[in-house]
């Protein structure tokens, strides 16, 4: 009997928490999945799953076995993908949802490079910060920034994005340069995602509520307003790259910048991803592996 028989089915049940969901994921019958897992348990001499009429959960032995065997399954998938790549060209349409200056200036060019390596592949890059229904909209994966609320999604960190405060030389000449975050309360601040800005004051986080005459959820518009002297902006450092290099903006409050948040690649389930999406995700993770703001 094959010592690997049933492992793929067991991992699918463990991740989907059900035999029917695992069968749908693997493209086979529920009875086949149940039979393969039962044979695996018999071969190992212990129960891996605790079954009830309503749910399936891992036993202690099942959890330990899952932690070990999932790496085996992922490795097998990667090996299959590499062989597939050697025989076929990627084709079809890769659909990505993303928004913000980082996605436009850094992620999009990286996906363009990926597209050049696969000339039979089409890429639909949807600039949209709304909540994505991956199935209905046909989105393969999304790029999102900050805290993620949907625990049903798989999230992989793309980059860590420390913060920066910046203003135009004209604004600072007219209104002065703040020396600590508390002084922002007397300045006009350009608000993007929220009006509470988090700073690092000698290792202690300081939350400052700011206000101003301009607000936008589009980072390019915030930068433009900042360049035109409408106030001080506080966003990830990479957002200001072009403006800083041209001298249109200068950094302020540098000793107090916080570590910020991360940009993430999010998707429903790796098992359902087409090969083109899996390889695009791996390409982006590798591309940004040593990226620094």
Protein backbone atom coordinates (compact mmCIF):
# COMPACT_ATOMS: atom_id res chain seq x y z
CA UNK A 1 0.00 0.00 0.00
CA UNK A 2 1.26 3.44 -0.87
CA UNK A 3 2.44 5.17 2.33
CA UNK A 4 1.45 8.56 0.85
CA UNK A 5 -2.12 7.53 0.05
CA UNK A 6 -4.73 9.73 1.70
CA UNK A 7 -2.41 12.58 2.72
CA UNK A 8 -3.67 15.00 0.08
CA UNK A 9 -7.27 14.24 1.03
CA UNK A 10 -6.51 14.60 4.75
CA UNK A 11 -4.83 18.01 4.26
CA UNK A 12 -7.79 19.20 2.18
CA UNK A 13 -10.25 18.15 4.91
CA UNK A 14 -8.10 19.78 7.61
CA UNK A 15 -7.98 23.09 5.73
CA UNK A 16 -11.61 23.16 4.60
CA UNK A 17 -13.02 21.64 7.84
CA UNK A 18 -15.30 19.28 5.98
CA UNK A 19 -15.36 16.26 3.69
CA UNK A 20 -17.79 17.80 1.18
CA UNK A 21 -15.75 21.00 0.89
CA UNK A 22 -12.55 18.98 0.48
CA UNK A 23 -14.15 16.84 -2.22
CA UNK A 24 -15.27 19.94 -4.11
CA UNK A 25 -11.79 21.40 -3.79
CA UNK A 26 -10.14 18.22 -5.09
CA UNK A 27 -12.72 17.52 -7.78
CA UNK A 28 -13.75 14.10 -6.51
CA UNK A 29 -16.56 12.49 -4.53
CA UNK A 30 -17.11 12.92 -0.80
CA UNK A 31 -17.07 9.15 -0.36
CA UNK A 32 -13.63 8.95 -1.99
CA UNK A 33 -12.22 11.56 0.40
CA UNK A 34 -13.77 9.83 3.42
CA UNK A 35 -12.46 6.45 2.31
CA UNK A 36 -8.91 7.72 1.72
CA UNK A 37 -8.74 9.47 5.10
CA UNK A 38 -10.10 6.39 6.88
CA UNK A 39 -7.42 4.24 5.23
CA UNK A 40 -4.76 6.73 6.31
CA UNK A 41 -5.99 6.65 9.92
CA UNK A 42 -6.05 2.85 9.88
CA UNK A 43 -2.52 2.76 8.53
CA UNK A 44 -1.28 5.19 11.20
CA UNK A 45 -3.24 3.46 13.97
CA UNK A 46 -4.87 6.63 15.35
CA UNK A 47 -7.71 9.07 14.72
CA UNK A 48 -6.71 12.25 12.91
CA UNK A 49 -10.17 13.80 12.75
CA UNK A 50 -12.97 14.16 15.29
CA UNK A 51 -16.23 13.76 13.36
CA UNK A 52 -19.70 14.90 14.34
CA UNK A 53 -22.93 15.38 12.41
CA UNK A 54 -22.21 19.08 11.98
CA UNK A 55 -18.45 19.54 11.91
CA UNK A 56 -15.02 18.02 11.51
CA UNK A 57 -12.07 19.03 13.69
CA UNK A 58 -8.50 17.90 14.14
CA UNK A 59 -7.49 15.67 17.03
CA UNK A 60 -4.17 16.38 18.75
CA UNK A 61 -2.55 13.69 16.60
CA UNK A 62 -4.32 15.15 13.58
CA UNK A 63 -2.96 18.64 14.24
CA UNK A 64 0.60 17.34 14.61
CA UNK A 65 0.27 15.25 11.46
CA UNK A 66 -1.25 18.17 9.52
CA UNK A 67 1.61 20.50 10.46
CA UNK A 68 4.07 18.02 8.99
CA UNK A 69 2.14 16.76 6.00
CA UNK A 70 0.94 20.15 4.68
CA UNK A 71 4.54 21.02 3.76
CA UNK A 72 4.74 17.77 1.82
CA UNK A 73 1.57 18.62 -0.12
CA UNK A 74 2.75 22.16 -0.89
CA UNK A 75 6.09 20.81 -2.07
CA UNK A 76 4.32 18.32 -4.33
CA UNK A 77 2.16 21.10 -5.78
CA UNK A 78 5.22 23.22 -6.48
CA UNK A 79 6.98 20.31 -8.17
CA UNK A 80 3.93 19.70 -10.37
CA UNK A 81 3.77 23.38 -11.25
CA UNK A 82 7.41 23.45 -12.29
CA UNK A 83 6.91 20.48 -14.60
CA UNK A 84 3.78 22.11 -16.01
CA UNK A 85 5.72 25.29 -16.69
CA UNK A 86 8.29 23.39 -18.70
CA UNK A 87 5.57 22.03 -20.99
CA UNK A 88 3.03 24.86 -21.27
CA UNK A 89 2.95 28.62 -21.61
CA UNK A 90 0.86 30.59 -19.14
CA UNK A 91 -2.28 31.86 -20.77
CA UNK A 92 -5.67 33.26 -19.91
CA UNK A 93 -6.30 36.42 -17.89
CA UNK A 94 -4.75 37.24 -14.52
CA UNK A 95 -7.11 39.57 -12.62
CA UNK A 96 -5.66 41.66 -9.80
CA UNK A 97 -7.35 44.24 -7.57
CA UNK A 98 -5.15 46.95 -6.06
CA UNK A 99 -5.22 50.61 -5.11
CA UNK A 100 -2.94 53.37 -3.91
CA UNK A 101 0.36 54.86 -4.95
CA UNK A 102 2.40 51.81 -3.92
CA UNK A 103 0.28 49.53 -6.11
CA UNK A 104 0.38 51.93 -9.06
CA UNK A 105 4.07 52.84 -8.90
CA UNK A 106 5.60 49.55 -7.72
CA UNK A 107 3.24 46.56 -7.95
CA UNK A 108 1.92 47.35 -11.44
CA UNK A 109 5.43 47.64 -12.97
CA UNK A 110 6.42 44.35 -11.32
CA UNK A 111 3.38 42.64 -12.87
CA UNK A 112 4.27 44.21 -16.22
CA UNK A 113 7.68 42.54 -15.98
CA UNK A 114 5.94 39.26 -15.12
CA UNK A 115 3.71 39.73 -18.16
CA UNK A 116 6.73 40.23 -20.44
CA UNK A 117 8.04 36.84 -19.31
CA UNK A 118 4.72 35.23 -20.29
CA UNK A 119 3.60 36.77 -23.60
CA UNK A 120 0.49 34.56 -23.87
CA UNK A 121 -0.84 35.89 -20.55
CA UNK A 122 -3.27 38.83 -20.26
CA UNK A 123 -3.36 40.94 -17.08
CA UNK A 124 -6.37 42.92 -15.84
CA UNK A 125 -5.17 45.35 -13.16
CA UNK A 126 -8.25 46.78 -11.46
CA UNK A 127 -7.52 49.94 -9.42
CA UNK A 128 -10.12 49.55 -6.71
CA UNK A 129 -9.94 49.76 -2.91
CA UNK A 130 -13.44 48.35 -2.33
CA UNK A 131 -14.07 45.00 -0.69
CA UNK A 132 -13.58 42.31 -3.32
CA UNK A 133 -15.90 39.38 -3.98
CA UNK A 134 -13.26 37.12 -5.46
CA UNK A 135 -15.68 34.60 -6.95
CA UNK A 136 -18.29 36.96 -8.42
CA UNK A 137 -15.73 39.43 -9.78
CA UNK A 138 -13.29 36.77 -10.98
CA UNK A 139 -10.40 38.35 -9.04
CA UNK A 140 -7.37 36.07 -8.55
CA UNK A 141 -5.77 38.10 -5.77
CA UNK A 142 -5.74 41.60 -4.31
CA UNK A 143 -3.11 43.96 -2.92
CA UNK A 144 -4.24 45.58 0.32
CA UNK A 145 -2.61 47.87 2.90
CA UNK A 146 -2.95 47.98 6.67
CA UNK A 147 -5.01 45.84 9.04
CA UNK A 148 -6.99 43.02 7.45
CA UNK A 149 -10.39 42.23 8.92
CA UNK A 150 -11.49 39.21 6.86
CA UNK A 151 -10.07 36.13 8.60
CA UNK A 152 -11.34 33.90 5.78
CA UNK A 153 -8.70 35.23 3.42
CA UNK A 154 -5.14 34.01 3.14
CA UNK A 155 -2.80 36.98 3.58
CA UNK A 156 0.90 37.04 2.73
CA UNK A 157 2.99 40.03 3.66
CA UNK A 158 4.44 41.73 0.61
CA UNK A 159 6.36 44.59 2.25
CA UNK A 160 6.56 46.43 5.56
CA UNK A 161 5.94 50.12 4.96
CA UNK A 162 7.29 52.60 7.53
CA UNK A 163 5.68 56.02 7.70
CA UNK A 164 6.90 59.52 6.80
CA UNK A 165 5.57 63.03 7.42
CA UNK A 166 6.22 65.61 4.70
CA UNK A 167 5.28 69.12 3.65
CA UNK A 168 6.14 71.61 0.93
CA UNK A 169 8.90 74.19 1.54
CA UNK A 170 6.35 76.96 0.91
CA UNK A 171 3.99 75.63 3.61
CA UNK A 172 6.80 75.34 6.17
CA UNK A 173 8.07 78.81 5.36
CA UNK A 174 4.61 80.26 5.92
CA UNK A 175 3.48 78.24 8.96
CA UNK A 176 6.69 76.95 10.51
CA UNK A 177 8.11 73.46 11.00
CA UNK A 178 6.67 71.33 13.81
CA UNK A 179 9.26 69.94 16.24
CA UNK A 180 7.08 67.27 17.85
CA UNK A 181 3.83 65.51 16.94
CA UNK A 182 1.71 67.48 19.42
CA UNK A 183 2.37 70.65 17.41
CA UNK A 184 0.42 69.14 14.50
CA UNK A 185 -2.76 70.21 16.29
CA UNK A 186 -1.99 73.79 15.29
CA UNK A 187 -1.18 72.84 11.68
CA UNK A 188 -3.31 72.04 8.66
CA UNK A 189 -2.98 68.30 8.02
CA UNK A 190 -3.93 66.47 4.85
CA UNK A 191 -5.88 63.39 5.87
CA UNK A 192 -5.86 60.15 3.91
CA UNK A 193 -7.19 57.02 5.67
CA UNK A 194 -7.90 58.49 9.10
CA UNK A 195 -7.40 61.55 11.26
CA UNK A 196 -5.50 59.76 14.04
CA UNK A 197 -1.78 59.63 13.32
CA UNK A 198 0.47 57.24 15.25
CA UNK A 199 4.01 58.36 16.08
CA UNK A 200 6.90 56.78 17.95
CA UNK A 201 8.09 59.01 20.80
CA UNK A 202 11.20 57.44 22.37
CA UNK A 203 9.73 53.94 22.06
CA UNK A 204 6.26 54.91 23.25
CA UNK A 205 3.49 55.24 20.70
CA UNK A 206 1.71 58.58 20.59
CA UNK A 207 -1.69 58.89 18.91
CA UNK A 208 -2.36 62.41 17.61
CA UNK A 209 -5.76 63.52 16.31
CA UNK A 210 -5.21 65.92 13.42
CA UNK A 211 -7.45 68.13 11.30
CA UNK A 212 -7.16 70.08 8.08
CA UNK A 213 -8.86 71.48 5.02
CA UNK A 214 -8.21 68.57 2.66
CA UNK A 215 -9.06 64.87 2.83
CA UNK A 216 -8.82 62.13 0.21
CA UNK A 217 -8.54 58.34 0.16
CA UNK A 218 -6.31 58.58 -2.94
CA UNK A 219 -2.63 58.84 -2.04
CA UNK A 220 -1.68 60.59 -5.30
CA UNK A 221 -4.21 63.33 -4.59
CA UNK A 222 -2.91 63.68 -1.02
CA UNK A 223 0.65 64.09 -2.31
CA UNK A 224 -0.49 66.64 -4.89
CA UNK A 225 -2.33 68.65 -2.23
CA UNK A 226 0.76 68.50 -0.05
CA UNK A 227 2.95 69.78 -2.91
CA UNK A 228 0.55 72.70 -3.38
CA UNK A 229 1.06 73.82 0.20
CA UNK A 230 -2.27 72.72 1.69
CA UNK A 231 -0.67 71.12 4.72
CA UNK A 232 1.36 68.26 6.20
CA UNK A 233 0.79 64.67 5.06
CA UNK A 234 1.69 61.43 6.86
CA UNK A 235 1.82 58.27 4.74
CA UNK A 236 4.19 55.41 3.86
CA UNK A 237 7.61 56.68 2.78
CA UNK A 238 7.47 55.30 -0.75
CA UNK A 239 4.43 57.48 -1.45
CA UNK A 240 6.65 60.56 -1.36
CA UNK A 241 9.61 59.24 -3.41
CA UNK A 242 9.14 61.37 -6.51
CA UNK A 243 8.20 64.51 -4.61
CA UNK A 244 11.21 64.24 -2.31
CA UNK A 245 13.69 63.66 -5.13
CA UNK A 246 12.36 66.71 -6.99
CA UNK A 247 12.42 68.91 -3.89
CA UNK A 248 8.67 69.60 -4.03
CA UNK A 249 8.34 68.09 -0.54
CA UNK A 250 10.67 67.80 2.44
CA UNK A 251 10.45 65.43 5.43
CA UNK A 252 9.34 66.67 8.85
CA UNK A 253 9.18 65.09 12.32
CA UNK A 254 11.63 62.38 11.25
CA UNK A 255 12.58 61.21 14.76
CA UNK A 256 8.94 60.35 15.44
CA UNK A 257 7.95 58.31 12.39
CA UNK A 258 6.33 54.98 13.21
CA UNK A 259 7.02 51.58 11.66
CA UNK A 260 3.69 51.79 9.88
CA UNK A 261 1.75 48.85 8.49
CA UNK A 262 2.22 46.32 5.69
CA UNK A 263 1.01 45.77 2.18
CA UNK A 264 -0.45 42.29 1.69
CA UNK A 265 -1.34 39.87 -1.06
CA UNK A 266 -4.74 38.41 -0.18
CA UNK A 267 -6.71 35.60 -1.79
CA UNK A 268 -9.39 33.07 -0.74
CA UNK A 269 -7.57 29.72 -0.87
CA UNK A 270 -4.37 28.60 -2.56
CA UNK A 271 -6.02 25.33 -3.58
CA UNK A 272 -8.42 27.21 -5.86
CA UNK A 273 -5.84 29.50 -7.47
CA UNK A 274 -5.01 28.91 -11.13
CA UNK A 275 -1.36 28.35 -11.94
CA UNK A 276 -0.96 31.85 -13.40
CA UNK A 277 -2.08 33.40 -10.09
CA UNK A 278 0.17 31.20 -7.97
CA UNK A 279 3.20 32.03 -10.07
CA UNK A 280 2.36 35.75 -10.12
CA UNK A 281 2.12 35.76 -6.32
CA UNK A 282 5.44 33.94 -6.00
CA UNK A 283 6.97 36.39 -8.47
CA UNK A 284 5.80 39.42 -6.45
CA UNK A 285 6.96 37.93 -3.15
CA UNK A 286 10.39 37.29 -4.63
CA UNK A 287 10.51 40.70 -6.34
CA UNK A 288 9.83 42.54 -3.08
CA UNK A 289 11.75 40.16 -0.78
CA UNK A 290 14.60 42.64 -0.20
CA UNK A 291 12.61 45.80 -0.95
CA UNK A 292 13.03 48.68 1.46
CA UNK A 293 11.32 52.05 1.65
